[in-house]
Amino acid sequence: MSTQTDTRTQSLQLGVQKYLYTSYFVGGVIVAWLVHNIVERVWEGHDAIATLIGVVAGFVAVVWAWRNERFRTISKEIIDELAAVSWPTKQETQTATFIVLVTSIVAAGVIFFMDRFWGAITEWIIK
């Protein structure tokens, strides 16, 4: 019984492979949506046919991407690299965002006052 449960648990754990499957699905949906919109604009009034053509195009795109060994290898390498990235914590992101906002506001203020100062000097010289 425990070996059957272990096998079932292992088969459900996809690891980073789930991101590959998800990206193929999302890519297929995007292709289907784009093709549907293009067909609908070219051939107005045939929404059902445009939807069918879009779904078929999305399915074909997913099958092509899955069967193309080079594309699949590149996709897996990208996912492996992204999985190895050490992403910042929420606190680090908030701190960095605050620093960027404060620095941007200070820089905008400095540029504003320098512009006003040099504009006043230039106007004084011209008069």
C-alpha atoms as a PDB file:
ATOM      1  CA  MET A   1       0.000   0.000   0.000  1.00  0.00           C
ATOM      2  CA  SER A   2       2.748   2.472   0.868  1.00  0.00           C
ATOM      3  CA  THR A   3       4.645   1.847  -2.391  1.00  0.00           C
ATOM      4  CA  GLN A   4       1.468   2.571  -4.351  1.00  0.00           C
ATOM      5  CA  THR A   5       0.984   5.841  -2.407  1.00  0.00           C
ATOM      6  CA  ASP A   6       4.658   6.782  -2.914  1.00  0.00           C
ATOM      7  CA  THR A   7       4.380   6.158  -6.653  1.00  0.00           C
ATOM      8  CA  ARG A   8       1.209   8.234  -6.884  1.00  0.00           C
ATOM      9  CA  THR A   9       2.818  11.082  -4.893  1.00  0.00           C
ATOM     10  CA  GLN A  10       5.905  11.043  -7.109  1.00  0.00           C
ATOM     11  CA  SER A  11       3.796  11.144 -10.266  1.00  0.00           C
ATOM     12  CA  LEU A  12       1.944  14.231  -8.982  1.00  0.00           C
ATOM     13  CA  GLN A  13       5.146  16.132  -8.240  1.00  0.00           C
ATOM     14  CA  LEU A  14       6.124  17.858 -11.471  1.00  0.00           C
ATOM     15  CA  GLY A  15       8.716  20.243 -10.098  1.00  0.00           C
ATOM     16  CA  VAL A  16       9.709  22.920 -12.599  1.00  0.00           C
ATOM     17  CA  GLN A  17       8.080  20.860 -15.368  1.00  0.00           C
ATOM     18  CA  LYS A  18       4.724  22.348 -14.364  1.00  0.00           C
ATOM     19  CA  TYR A  19       5.971  25.764 -15.455  1.00  0.00           C
ATOM     20  CA  LEU A  20       6.817  24.368 -18.881  1.00  0.00           C
ATOM     21  CA  TYR A  21       3.315  22.942 -19.276  1.00  0.00           C
ATOM     22  CA  THR A  22       1.759  26.172 -18.028  1.00  0.00           C
ATOM     23  CA  SER A  23       3.812  28.287 -20.433  1.00  0.00           C
ATOM     24  CA  TYR A  24       2.741  26.080 -23.352  1.00  0.00           C
ATOM     25  CA  PHE A  25      -0.900  26.419 -22.314  1.00  0.00           C
ATOM     26  CA  VAL A  26      -0.661  30.203 -21.929  1.00  0.00           C
ATOM     27  CA  GLY A  27       1.177  30.485 -25.253  1.00  0.00           C
ATOM     28  CA  GLY A  28      -1.538  28.442 -26.944  1.00  0.00           C
ATOM     29  CA  VAL A  29      -4.251  30.648 -25.464  1.00  0.00           C
ATOM     30  CA  ILE A  30      -2.447  33.789 -26.650  1.00  0.00           C
ATOM     31  CA  VAL A  31      -2.049  32.372 -30.175  1.00  0.00           C
ATOM     32  CA  ALA A  32      -5.725  31.364 -30.206  1.00  0.00           C
ATOM     33  CA  TRP A  33      -6.790  34.836 -29.087  1.00  0.00           C
ATOM     34  CA  LEU A  34      -4.580  36.601 -31.645  1.00  0.00           C
ATOM     35  CA  VAL A  35      -5.708  34.389 -34.529  1.00  0.00           C
ATOM     36  CA  HIS A  36      -9.356  34.759 -33.492  1.00  0.00           C
ATOM     37  CA  ASN A  37      -9.061  38.557 -33.478  1.00  0.00           C
ATOM     38  CA  ILE A  38      -7.248  38.645 -36.824  1.00  0.00           C
ATOM     39  CA  VAL A  39      -9.797  36.353 -38.494  1.00  0.00           C
ATOM     40  CA  GLU A  40     -12.684  38.291 -36.954  1.00  0.00           C
ATOM     41  CA  ARG A  41     -11.338  41.592 -38.325  1.00  0.00           C
ATOM     42  CA  VAL A  42     -10.678  40.144 -41.772  1.00  0.00           C
ATOM     43  CA  TRP A  43     -13.888  38.127 -41.968  1.00  0.00           C
ATOM     44  CA  GLU A  44     -16.452  40.089 -39.957  1.00  0.00           C
ATOM     45  CA  GLY A  45     -19.652  38.430 -38.803  1.00  0.00           C
ATOM     46  CA  HIS A  46     -18.256  34.904 -38.548  1.00  0.00           C
ATOM     47  CA  ASP A  47     -17.451  34.773 -34.854  1.00  0.00           C
ATOM     48  CA  ALA A  48     -17.985  31.019 -34.461  1.00  0.00           C
ATOM     49  CA  ILE A  49     -15.671  30.197 -37.357  1.00  0.00           C
ATOM     50  CA  ALA A  50     -13.075  32.696 -36.107  1.00  0.00           C
ATOM     51  CA  THR A  51     -13.187  31.061 -32.677  1.00  0.00           C
ATOM     52  CA  LEU A  52     -12.774  27.594 -34.169  1.00  0.00           C
ATOM     53  CA  ILE A  53      -9.837  28.709 -36.324  1.00  0.00           C
ATOM     54  CA  GLY A  54      -8.259  30.400 -33.290  1.00  0.00           C
ATOM     55  CA  VAL A  55      -8.617  27.290 -31.121  1.00  0.00           C
ATOM     56  CA  VAL A  56      -7.147  25.080 -33.848  1.00  0.00           C
ATOM     57  CA  ALA A  57      -4.250  27.517 -34.353  1.00  0.00           C
ATOM     58  CA  GLY A  58      -3.564  27.591 -30.597  1.00  0.00           C
ATOM     59  CA  PHE A  59      -3.622  23.802 -30.426  1.00  0.00           C
ATOM     60  CA  VAL A  60      -1.299  23.511 -33.430  1.00  0.00           C
ATOM     61  CA  ALA A  61       1.077  26.049 -31.842  1.00  0.00           C
ATOM     62  CA  VAL A  62       1.210  24.045 -28.599  1.00  0.00           C
ATOM     63  CA  VAL A  63       1.791  20.758 -30.441  1.00  0.00           C
ATOM     64  CA  TRP A  64       4.510  22.357 -32.582  1.00  0.00           C
ATOM     65  CA  ALA A  65       6.226  23.830 -29.523  1.00  0.00           C
ATOM     66  CA  TRP A  66       6.060  20.507 -27.696  1.00  0.00           C
ATOM     67  CA  ARG A  67       7.385  18.439 -30.615  1.00  0.00           C
ATOM     68  CA  ASN A  68      10.150  20.897 -31.511  1.00  0.00           C
ATOM     69  CA  GLU A  69      13.130  19.556 -29.569  1.00  0.00           C
ATOM     70  CA  ARG A  70      15.153  22.782 -29.819  1.00  0.00           C
ATOM     71  CA  PHE A  71      12.271  24.946 -28.592  1.00  0.00           C
ATOM     72  CA  ARG A  72      11.541  22.564 -25.714  1.00  0.00           C
ATOM     73  CA  THR A  73      15.217  22.470 -24.702  1.00  0.00           C
ATOM     74  CA  ILE A  74      15.462  26.266 -24.680  1.00  0.00           C
ATOM     75  CA  SER A  75      12.233  26.505 -22.672  1.00  0.00           C
ATOM     76  CA  LYS A  76      13.517  24.025 -20.087  1.00  0.00           C
ATOM     77  CA  GLU A  77      16.822  25.877 -19.783  1.00  0.00           C
ATOM     78  CA  ILE A  78      15.010  29.175 -19.229  1.00  0.00           C
ATOM     79  CA  ILE A  79      12.800  27.612 -16.556  1.00  0.00           C
ATOM     80  CA  ASP A  80      15.817  26.032 -14.833  1.00  0.00           C
ATOM     81  CA  GLU A  81      17.596  29.394 -14.781  1.00  0.00           C
ATOM     82  CA  LEU A  82      14.533  31.171 -13.386  1.00  0.00           C
ATOM     83  CA  ALA A  83      14.154  28.475 -10.724  1.00  0.00           C
ATOM     84  CA  ALA A  84      17.755  29.117  -9.628  1.00  0.00           C
ATOM     85  CA  VAL A  85      17.210  32.865  -9.197  1.00  0.00           C
ATOM     86  CA  SER A  86      17.135  34.102  -5.625  1.00  0.00           C
ATOM     87  CA  TRP A  87      14.137  36.411  -5.584  1.00  0.00           C
ATOM     88  CA  PRO A  88      13.975  39.283  -3.058  1.00  0.00           C
ATOM     89  CA  THR A  89      11.679  39.064  -0.082  1.00  0.00           C
ATOM     90  CA  LYS A  90       8.617  41.281   0.279  1.00  0.00           C
ATOM     91  CA  GLN A  91      10.429  43.485   2.795  1.00  0.00           C
ATOM     92  CA  GLU A  92      13.455  43.917   0.499  1.00  0.00           C
ATOM     93  CA  THR A  93      11.173  44.840  -2.396  1.00  0.00           C
ATOM     94  CA  GLN A  94       9.282  47.402  -0.307  1.00  0.00           C
ATOM     95  CA  THR A  95      12.523  48.940   0.959  1.00  0.00           C
ATOM     96  CA  ALA A  96      14.005  49.163  -2.550  1.00  0.00           C
ATOM     97  CA  THR A  97      10.786  50.678  -3.907  1.00  0.00           C
ATOM     98  CA  PHE A  98      10.762  53.299  -1.146  1.00  0.00           C
ATOM     99  CA  ILE A  99      14.404  54.190  -1.835  1.00  0.00           C
ATOM    100  CA  VAL A 100      13.736  54.554  -5.571  1.00  0.00           C
ATOM    101  CA  LEU A 101      10.694  56.773  -4.971  1.00  0.00           C
ATOM    102  CA  VAL A 102      12.517  59.044  -2.500  1.00  0.00           C
ATOM    103  CA  THR A 103      15.564  59.298  -4.764  1.00  0.00           C
ATOM    104  CA  SER A 104      13.349  60.130  -7.769  1.00  0.00           C
ATOM    105  CA  ILE A 105      11.514  62.841  -5.847  1.00  0.00           C
ATOM    106  CA  VAL A 106      14.780  64.382  -4.582  1.00  0.00           C
ATOM    107  CA  ALA A 107      16.310  64.279  -8.083  1.00  0.00           C
ATOM    108  CA  ALA A 108      13.188  65.877  -9.575  1.00  0.00           C
ATOM    109  CA  GLY A 109      13.363  68.628  -6.935  1.00  0.00           C
ATOM    110  CA  VAL A 110      17.047  69.303  -7.594  1.00  0.00           C
ATOM    111  CA  ILE A 111      16.463  69.472 -11.356  1.00  0.00           C
ATOM    112  CA  PHE A 112      13.444  71.747 -10.855  1.00  0.00           C
ATOM    113  CA  PHE A 113      15.360  74.219  -8.679  1.00  0.00           C
ATOM    114  CA  MET A 114      18.417  74.149 -10.949  1.00  0.00           C
ATOM    115  CA  ASP A 115      16.165  74.896 -13.931  1.00  0.00           C
ATOM    116  CA  ARG A 116      14.513  77.785 -12.081  1.00  0.00           C
ATOM    117  CA  PHE A 117      17.897  79.129 -10.930  1.00  0.00           C
ATOM    118  CA  TRP A 118      19.570  79.002 -14.363  1.00  0.00           C
ATOM    119  CA  GLY A 119      16.401  80.282 -16.028  1.00  0.00           C
ATOM    120  CA  ALA A 120      16.419  83.315 -13.702  1.00  0.00           C
ATOM    121  CA  ILE A 121      20.133  83.951 -14.328  1.00  0.00           C
ATOM    122  CA  THR A 122      19.674  83.636 -18.101  1.00  0.00           C
ATOM    123  CA  GLU A 123      16.709  85.998 -18.045  1.00  0.00           C
ATOM    124  CA  TRP A 124      18.687  88.521 -15.931  1.00  0.00           C
ATOM    125  CA  ILE A 125      21.601  88.371 -18.381  1.00  0.00           C
ATOM    126  CA  ILE A 126      19.343  88.782 -21.440  1.00  0.00           C
ATOM    127  CA  LYS A 127      17.564  91.838 -19.966  1.00  0.00           C
END
